């Protein structure tokens, strides 16, 4: 997986039609859910996976 976090965010936006702000909020919620153990990139990948987005 050689994607950047911005590319992951863009894929999420394209599939979900959510705003960048909404996607960033989803990423922050995932980070909180995992007690800060996930990086922003890791949380973005979890959000993508939750929407069935293959990275």
PDB file of N, CA and C in Angstrom:
ATOM      1  N   UNK A   1       0.853  -1.175   0.000  1.00  0.00           N
ATOM      2  CA  UNK A   1       0.000   0.000   0.000  1.00  0.00           C
ATOM      3  C   UNK A   1       0.900   1.239   0.000  1.00  0.00           C
ATOM      4  N   UNK A   2       1.004   1.885  -1.145  1.00  0.00           N
ATOM      5  CA  UNK A   2       1.870   3.059  -1.265  1.00  0.00           C
ATOM      6  C   UNK A   2       1.067   4.342  -1.390  1.00  0.00           C
ATOM      7  N   UNK A   3      -0.070   4.401  -0.738  1.00  0.00           N
ATOM      8  CA  UNK A   3      -0.914   5.586  -0.797  1.00  0.00           C
ATOM      9  C   UNK A   3      -0.517   6.565   0.303  1.00  0.00           C
ATOM     10  N   UNK A   4      -0.800   7.828   0.057  1.00  0.00           N
ATOM     11  CA  UNK A   4      -0.643   8.838   1.109  1.00  0.00           C
ATOM     12  C   UNK A   4      -1.985   8.995   1.804  1.00  0.00           C
ATOM     13  N   UNK A   5      -1.978   9.638   2.951  1.00  0.00           N
ATOM     14  CA  UNK A   5      -3.232   9.860   3.664  1.00  0.00           C
ATOM     15  C   UNK A   5      -4.183  10.715   2.824  1.00  0.00           C
ATOM     16  N   UNK A   6      -3.636  11.665   2.096  1.00  0.00           N
ATOM     17  CA  UNK A   6      -4.492  12.511   1.257  1.00  0.00           C
ATOM     18  C   UNK A   6      -5.189  11.700   0.173  1.00  0.00           C
ATOM     19  N   UNK A   7      -4.490  10.725  -0.390  1.00  0.00           N
ATOM     20  CA  UNK A   7      -5.096   9.870  -1.416  1.00  0.00           C
ATOM     21  C   UNK A   7      -6.197   9.000  -0.814  1.00  0.00           C
ATOM     22  N   UNK A   8      -5.983   8.518   0.394  1.00  0.00           N
ATOM     23  CA  UNK A   8      -7.006   7.717   1.069  1.00  0.00           C
ATOM     24  C   UNK A   8      -8.230   8.587   1.346  1.00  0.00           C
ATOM     25  N   UNK A   9      -8.002   9.795   1.832  1.00  0.00           N
ATOM     26  CA  UNK A   9      -9.105  10.721   2.110  1.00  0.00           C
ATOM     27  C   UNK A   9      -9.878  11.020   0.834  1.00  0.00           C
ATOM     28  N   UNK A  10      -9.180  11.257  -0.263  1.00  0.00           N
ATOM     29  CA  UNK A  10      -9.844  11.531  -1.542  1.00  0.00           C
ATOM     30  C   UNK A  10     -10.694  10.350  -1.999  1.00  0.00           C
ATOM     31  N   UNK A  11     -10.195   9.133  -1.823  1.00  0.00           N
ATOM     32  CA  UNK A  11     -10.982   7.948  -2.190  1.00  0.00           C
ATOM     33  C   UNK A  11     -12.248   7.873  -1.348  1.00  0.00           C
ATOM     34  N   UNK A  12     -12.125   8.151  -0.050  1.00  0.00           N
ATOM     35  CA  UNK A  12     -13.295   8.125   0.833  1.00  0.00           C
ATOM     36  C   UNK A  12     -14.302   9.172   0.386  1.00  0.00           C
ATOM     37  N   UNK A  13     -13.826  10.367   0.063  1.00  0.00           N
ATOM     38  CA  UNK A  13     -14.712  11.446  -0.393  1.00  0.00           C
ATOM     39  C   UNK A  13     -15.434  11.039  -1.676  1.00  0.00           C
ATOM     40  N   UNK A  14     -14.699  10.461  -2.622  1.00  0.00           N
ATOM     41  CA  UNK A  14     -15.291  10.059  -3.900  1.00  0.00           C
ATOM     42  C   UNK A  14     -16.399   9.031  -3.710  1.00  0.00           C
ATOM     43  N   UNK A  15     -16.161   8.052  -2.851  1.00  0.00           N
ATOM     44  CA  UNK A  15     -17.130   6.969  -2.665  1.00  0.00           C
ATOM     45  C   UNK A  15     -18.322   7.410  -1.818  1.00  0.00           C
ATOM     46  N   UNK A  16     -18.037   8.135  -0.733  1.00  0.00           N
ATOM     47  CA  UNK A  16     -19.105   8.465   0.221  1.00  0.00           C
ATOM     48  C   UNK A  16     -19.824   9.772  -0.093  1.00  0.00           C
ATOM     49  N   UNK A  17     -19.200  10.617  -0.933  1.00  0.00           N
ATOM     50  CA  UNK A  17     -19.739  11.954  -1.243  1.00  0.00           C
ATOM     51  C   UNK A  17     -19.797  12.848  -0.005  1.00  0.00           C
ATOM     52  N   UNK A  18     -19.039  12.496   1.025  1.00  0.00           N
ATOM     53  CA  UNK A  18     -18.948  13.329   2.224  1.00  0.00           C
ATOM     54  C   UNK A  18     -17.934  14.437   1.980  1.00  0.00           C
ATOM     55  N   UNK A  19     -18.039  15.495   2.760  1.00  0.00           N
ATOM     56  CA  UNK A  19     -17.073  16.587   2.660  1.00  0.00           C
ATOM     57  C   UNK A  19     -15.767  16.153   3.315  1.00  0.00           C
ATOM     58  N   UNK A  20     -14.699  16.865   2.983  1.00  0.00           N
ATOM     59  CA  UNK A  20     -13.406  16.558   3.592  1.00  0.00           C
ATOM     60  C   UNK A  20     -13.491  16.703   5.109  1.00  0.00           C
ATOM     61  N   UNK A  21     -14.205  17.710   5.571  1.00  0.00           N
ATOM     62  CA  UNK A  21     -14.360  17.927   7.008  1.00  0.00           C
ATOM     63  C   UNK A  21     -15.053  16.733   7.672  1.00  0.00           C
ATOM     64  N   UNK A  22     -16.092  16.209   7.030  1.00  0.00           N
ATOM     65  CA  UNK A  22     -16.795  15.044   7.577  1.00  0.00           C
ATOM     66  C   UNK A  22     -15.875  13.825   7.638  1.00  0.00           C
ATOM     67  N   UNK A  23     -15.087  13.633   6.595  1.00  0.00           N
ATOM     68  CA  UNK A  23     -14.157  12.499   6.557  1.00  0.00           C
ATOM     69  C   UNK A  23     -13.100  12.654   7.652  1.00  0.00           C
ATOM     70  N   UNK A  24     -12.591  13.858   7.821  1.00  0.00           N
ATOM     71  CA  UNK A  24     -11.590  14.090   8.874  1.00  0.00           C
ATOM     72  C   UNK A  24     -12.185  13.815  10.255  1.00  0.00           C
ATOM     73  N   UNK A  25     -13.464  14.148  10.446  1.00  0.00           N
ATOM     74  CA  UNK A  25     -14.132  13.861  11.718  1.00  0.00           C
ATOM     75  C   UNK A  25     -14.253  12.352  11.934  1.00  0.00           C
ATOM     76  N   UNK A  26     -14.584  11.613  10.878  1.00  0.00           N
ATOM     77  CA  UNK A  26     -14.665  10.150  10.979  1.00  0.00           C
ATOM     78  C   UNK A  26     -13.302   9.570  11.363  1.00  0.00           C
ATOM     79  N   UNK A  27     -12.249  10.112  10.778  1.00  0.00           N
ATOM     80  CA  UNK A  27     -10.895   9.650  11.091  1.00  0.00           C
ATOM     81  C   UNK A  27     -10.571   9.914  12.556  1.00  0.00           C
ATOM     82  N   UNK A  28     -10.904  11.089  13.037  1.00  0.00           N
ATOM     83  CA  UNK A  28     -10.643  11.424  14.449  1.00  0.00           C
ATOM     84  C   UNK A  28     -11.435  10.510  15.382  1.00  0.00           C
ATOM     85  N   UNK A  29     -12.675  10.189  15.018  1.00  0.00           N
ATOM     86  CA  UNK A  29     -13.488   9.289  15.843  1.00  0.00           C
ATOM     87  C   UNK A  29     -12.846   7.909  15.927  1.00  0.00           C
ATOM     88  N   UNK A  30     -12.303   7.429  14.810  1.00  0.00           N
ATOM     89  CA  UNK A  30     -11.625   6.126  14.828  1.00  0.00           C
ATOM     90  C   UNK A  30     -10.387   6.176  15.717  1.00  0.00           C
ATOM     91  N   UNK A  31      -9.642   7.261  15.639  1.00  0.00           N
ATOM     92  CA  UNK A  31      -8.454   7.394  16.487  1.00  0.00           C
ATOM     93  C   UNK A  31      -8.850   7.362  17.963  1.00  0.00           C
ATOM     94  N   UNK A  32      -9.925   8.064  18.306  1.00  0.00           N
ATOM     95  CA  UNK A  32     -10.396   8.082  19.691  1.00  0.00           C
ATOM     96  C   UNK A  32     -10.871   6.698  20.119  1.00  0.00           C
ATOM     97  N   UNK A  33     -11.582   6.011  19.208  1.00  0.00           N
ATOM     98  CA  UNK A  33     -12.117   4.686  19.513  1.00  0.00           C
ATOM     99  C   UNK A  33     -10.995   3.707  19.858  1.00  0.00           C
ATOM    100  N   UNK A  34      -9.863   3.873  19.217  1.00  0.00           N
ATOM    101  CA  UNK A  34      -8.726   2.987  19.470  1.00  0.00           C
ATOM    102  C   UNK A  34      -7.755   3.566  20.497  1.00  0.00           C
ATOM    103  N   UNK A  35      -8.219   4.543  21.248  1.00  0.00           N
ATOM    104  CA  UNK A  35      -7.420   5.083  22.343  1.00  0.00           C
ATOM    105  C   UNK A  35      -6.114   5.721  21.910  1.00  0.00           C
ATOM    106  N   UNK A  36      -6.099   6.279  20.692  1.00  0.00           N
ATOM    107  CA  UNK A  36      -4.898   6.938  20.210  1.00  0.00           C
ATOM    108  C   UNK A  36      -3.831   5.985  19.699  1.00  0.00           C
ATOM    109  N   UNK A  37      -4.153   4.700  19.589  1.00  0.00           N
ATOM    110  CA  UNK A  37      -3.167   3.730  19.115  1.00  0.00           C
ATOM    111  C   UNK A  37      -2.995   3.757  17.607  1.00  0.00           C
ATOM    112  N   UNK A  38      -3.954   4.334  16.899  1.00  0.00           N
ATOM    113  CA  UNK A  38      -3.870   4.432  15.438  1.00  0.00           C
ATOM    114  C   UNK A  38      -3.290   5.769  15.022  1.00  0.00           C
ATOM    115  N   UNK A  39      -2.500   5.745  13.977  1.00  0.00           N
ATOM    116  CA  UNK A  39      -2.060   6.999  13.358  1.00  0.00           C
ATOM    117  C   UNK A  39      -3.232   7.525  12.539  1.00  0.00           C
ATOM    118  N   UNK A  40      -3.119   8.744  12.064  1.00  0.00           N
ATOM    119  CA  UNK A  40      -4.160   9.295  11.200  1.00  0.00           C
ATOM    120  C   UNK A  40      -4.307   8.450   9.945  1.00  0.00           C
ATOM    121  N   UNK A  41      -3.190   7.993   9.397  1.00  0.00           N
ATOM    122  CA  UNK A  41      -3.235   7.148   8.208  1.00  0.00           C
ATOM    123  C   UNK A  41      -3.950   5.839   8.505  1.00  0.00           C
ATOM    124  N   UNK A  42      -3.603   5.217   9.615  1.00  0.00           N
ATOM    125  CA  UNK A  42      -4.242   3.963  10.007  1.00  0.00           C
ATOM    126  C   UNK A  42      -5.740   4.138  10.201  1.00  0.00           C
ATOM    127  N   UNK A  43      -6.123   5.228  10.850  1.00  0.00           N
ATOM    128  CA  UNK A  43      -7.545   5.500  11.068  1.00  0.00           C
ATOM    129  C   UNK A  43      -8.256   5.758   9.744  1.00  0.00           C
ATOM    130  N   UNK A  44      -7.596   6.437   8.815  1.00  0.00           N
ATOM    131  CA  UNK A  44      -8.186   6.678   7.497  1.00  0.00           C
ATOM    132  C   UNK A  44      -8.415   5.359   6.769  1.00  0.00           C
ATOM    133  N   UNK A  45      -7.491   4.437   6.917  1.00  0.00           N
ATOM    134  CA  UNK A  45      -7.644   3.108   6.299  1.00  0.00           C
ATOM    135  C   UNK A  45      -8.812   2.354   6.918  1.00  0.00           C
ATOM    136  N   UNK A  46      -8.998   2.482   8.229  1.00  0.00           N
ATOM    137  CA  UNK A  46     -10.142   1.840   8.903  1.00  0.00           C
ATOM    138  C   UNK A  46     -11.446   2.440   8.374  1.00  0.00           C
ATOM    139  N   UNK A  47     -11.501   3.757   8.250  1.00  0.00           N
ATOM    140  CA  UNK A  47     -12.708   4.418   7.736  1.00  0.00           C
ATOM    141  C   UNK A  47     -12.980   3.923   6.310  1.00  0.00           C
ATOM    142  N   UNK A  48     -11.961   3.875   5.494  1.00  0.00           N
ATOM    143  CA  UNK A  48     -12.130   3.390   4.109  1.00  0.00           C
ATOM    144  C   UNK A  48     -12.683   1.970   4.130  1.00  0.00           C
ATOM    145  N   UNK A  49     -12.116   1.125   4.966  1.00  0.00           N
ATOM    146  CA  UNK A  49     -12.565  -0.252   5.047  1.00  0.00           C
ATOM    147  C   UNK A  49     -14.029  -0.338   5.498  1.00  0.00           C
ATOM    148  N   UNK A  50     -14.405   0.533   6.426  1.00  0.00           N
ATOM    149  CA  UNK A  50     -15.793   0.551   6.909  1.00  0.00           C
ATOM    150  C   UNK A  50     -16.779   0.837   5.780  1.00  0.00           C
ATOM    151  N   UNK A  51     -16.339   1.552   4.764  1.00  0.00           N
ATOM    152  CA  UNK A  51     -17.187   1.871   3.617  1.00  0.00           C
ATOM    153  C   UNK A  51     -16.960   0.905   2.447  1.00  0.00           C
ATOM    154  N   UNK A  52     -16.192  -0.146   2.683  1.00  0.00           N
ATOM    155  CA  UNK A  52     -15.963  -1.135   1.648  1.00  0.00           C
ATOM    156  C   UNK A  52     -15.019  -0.693   0.548  1.00  0.00           C
ATOM    157  N   UNK A  53     -14.193   0.305   0.852  1.00  0.00           N
ATOM    158  CA  UNK A  53     -13.249   0.835  -0.124  1.00  0.00           C
ATOM    159  C   UNK A  53     -11.976   0.005  -0.074  1.00  0.00           C
ATOM    160  N   UNK A  54     -11.614  -0.569  -1.195  1.00  0.00           N
ATOM    161  CA  UNK A  54     -10.390  -1.351  -1.283  1.00  0.00           C
ATOM    162  C   UNK A  54      -9.223  -0.425  -1.607  1.00  0.00           C
ATOM    163  N   UNK A  55      -8.208  -0.474  -0.768  1.00  0.00           N
ATOM    164  CA  UNK A  55      -7.046   0.405  -0.977  1.00  0.00           C
ATOM    165  C   UNK A  55      -5.909  -0.352  -1.602  1.00  0.00           C
TER     166      UNK A  55
END
